[in-house]
Protein backbone atom coordinates (compact mmCIF):
# COMPACT_ATOMS: atom_id res chain seq x y z
CA MET A 1 -23.21 -6.45 6.11
CA GLU A 2 -23.30 -5.13 2.76
CA ILE A 3 -21.79 -1.65 3.83
CA LEU A 4 -18.69 -4.06 5.47
CA GLU A 5 -18.13 -5.90 2.26
CA SER A 6 -17.93 -2.60 0.54
CA PHE A 7 -14.33 -2.15 2.32
CA MET A 8 -13.00 -5.29 2.05
CA PRO A 9 -10.15 -5.93 -0.64
CA ARG A 10 -11.25 -6.76 -4.03
CA ILE A 11 -8.46 -8.64 -4.65
CA GLY A 12 -8.75 -12.47 -4.93
CA ILE A 13 -7.10 -14.70 -2.17
CA GLU A 14 -4.74 -16.33 -4.93
CA LYS A 15 -3.14 -13.25 -6.02
CA ALA A 16 -3.08 -11.42 -2.67
CA ALA A 17 -0.92 -14.31 -1.76
CA THR A 18 1.52 -13.85 -4.50
CA LEU A 19 1.98 -10.20 -4.26
CA LEU A 20 3.38 -9.74 -0.80
CA SER A 21 6.64 -10.60 -0.03
CA ARG A 22 8.07 -13.17 2.44
CA ARG A 23 9.01 -9.98 4.99
CA GLU A 24 5.03 -8.63 4.09
CA ARG A 25 3.85 -11.70 5.12
CA GLU A 26 5.84 -12.23 8.33
CA ILE A 27 5.23 -8.82 9.31
CA LEU A 28 1.02 -9.12 8.15
CA ASN A 29 1.46 -12.20 10.80
CA LEU A 30 2.64 -10.52 13.68
CA ILE A 31 -0.22 -7.54 12.88
CA ILE A 32 -2.94 -10.11 12.75
CA ASN A 33 -1.23 -11.48 16.18
CA GLY A 34 -1.99 -8.01 17.88
CA TYR A 35 1.79 -6.84 17.68
CA THR A 36 2.05 -3.17 17.47
CA ASN A 37 4.81 -1.57 14.99
CA SER A 38 6.81 -0.77 17.78
CA GLU A 39 6.89 -4.32 19.06
CA ILE A 40 7.15 -5.53 15.64
CA ALA A 41 10.22 -3.85 14.94
CA GLY A 42 12.03 -4.72 18.14
CA LEU A 43 10.91 -8.52 17.27
CA LEU A 44 12.65 -8.14 13.54
CA PHE A 45 15.36 -5.52 14.31
CA VAL A 46 14.08 -2.93 11.85
CA SER A 47 13.25 0.89 12.76
CA CYS A 48 9.35 1.76 12.95
CA ARG A 49 9.56 3.38 10.19
CA THR A 50 10.62 0.36 8.12
CA VAL A 51 7.70 -1.49 10.01
CA ASP A 52 5.00 1.30 8.97
CA THR A 53 6.07 1.65 5.25
CA HIS A 54 5.65 -2.73 4.90
CA ARG A 55 2.34 -2.00 6.27
CA GLN A 56 1.41 0.43 3.81
CA ASN A 57 2.72 -1.44 1.27
CA ILE A 58 0.44 -4.65 2.53
CA LEU A 59 -2.28 -2.28 2.62
CA ALA A 60 -1.78 -0.99 -1.15
CA LYS A 61 -1.00 -4.33 -2.48
CA LEU A 62 -4.25 -5.87 -0.85
CA GLY A 63 -6.31 -2.50 -1.44
CA ALA A 64 -7.54 -2.84 2.56
CA ARG A 65 -8.62 0.85 3.12
CA ASN A 66 -7.16 0.62 7.09
CA THR A 67 -5.46 -2.06 8.92
CA ALA A 68 -8.50 -3.54 10.54
CA VAL A 69 -10.13 -4.31 7.23
CA LEU A 70 -6.67 -6.03 6.39
CA VAL A 71 -6.65 -7.44 9.91
CA ARG A 72 -10.09 -9.29 9.04
CA PHE A 73 -8.95 -9.93 5.34
CA ALA A 74 -6.26 -11.50 6.64
CA VAL A 75 -7.60 -13.63 9.55
CA GLU A 76 -10.45 -15.08 7.08
CA ASN A 77 -7.78 -16.20 4.57
CA CYS A 78 -4.97 -16.76 6.80
CA THR A 79 -4.11 -20.46 5.70
CA CYS A 80 -4.08 -19.69 2.12
CA LEU A 81 -1.74 -16.26 2.79
CA GLY A 82 0.49 -18.62 4.88
CA LEU A 83 -0.65 -17.25 8.48
CA THR A 84 -0.84 -18.49 11.76
CA PRO A 85 -3.13 -16.26 13.94
CA CYS A 86 -3.22 -17.17 17.70
């Protein structure tokens, strides 16, 4: 478990909630509900590259090493982040 914890973002949840823009929270919500970049792009009428840029920005802001870690962090803290996993 300690190994897994070492990959988790080191940012407090309160800080995380304020760092993300509305659009980033919207995209993060779709990510945690299993949507691909292509599907998100279609839903939001943006390019796949735009979605990828938002995803990279979310990872950087939250200090997550990869999308799997990001999803775990977001699901565990969805209420504080204003997300609604299915």
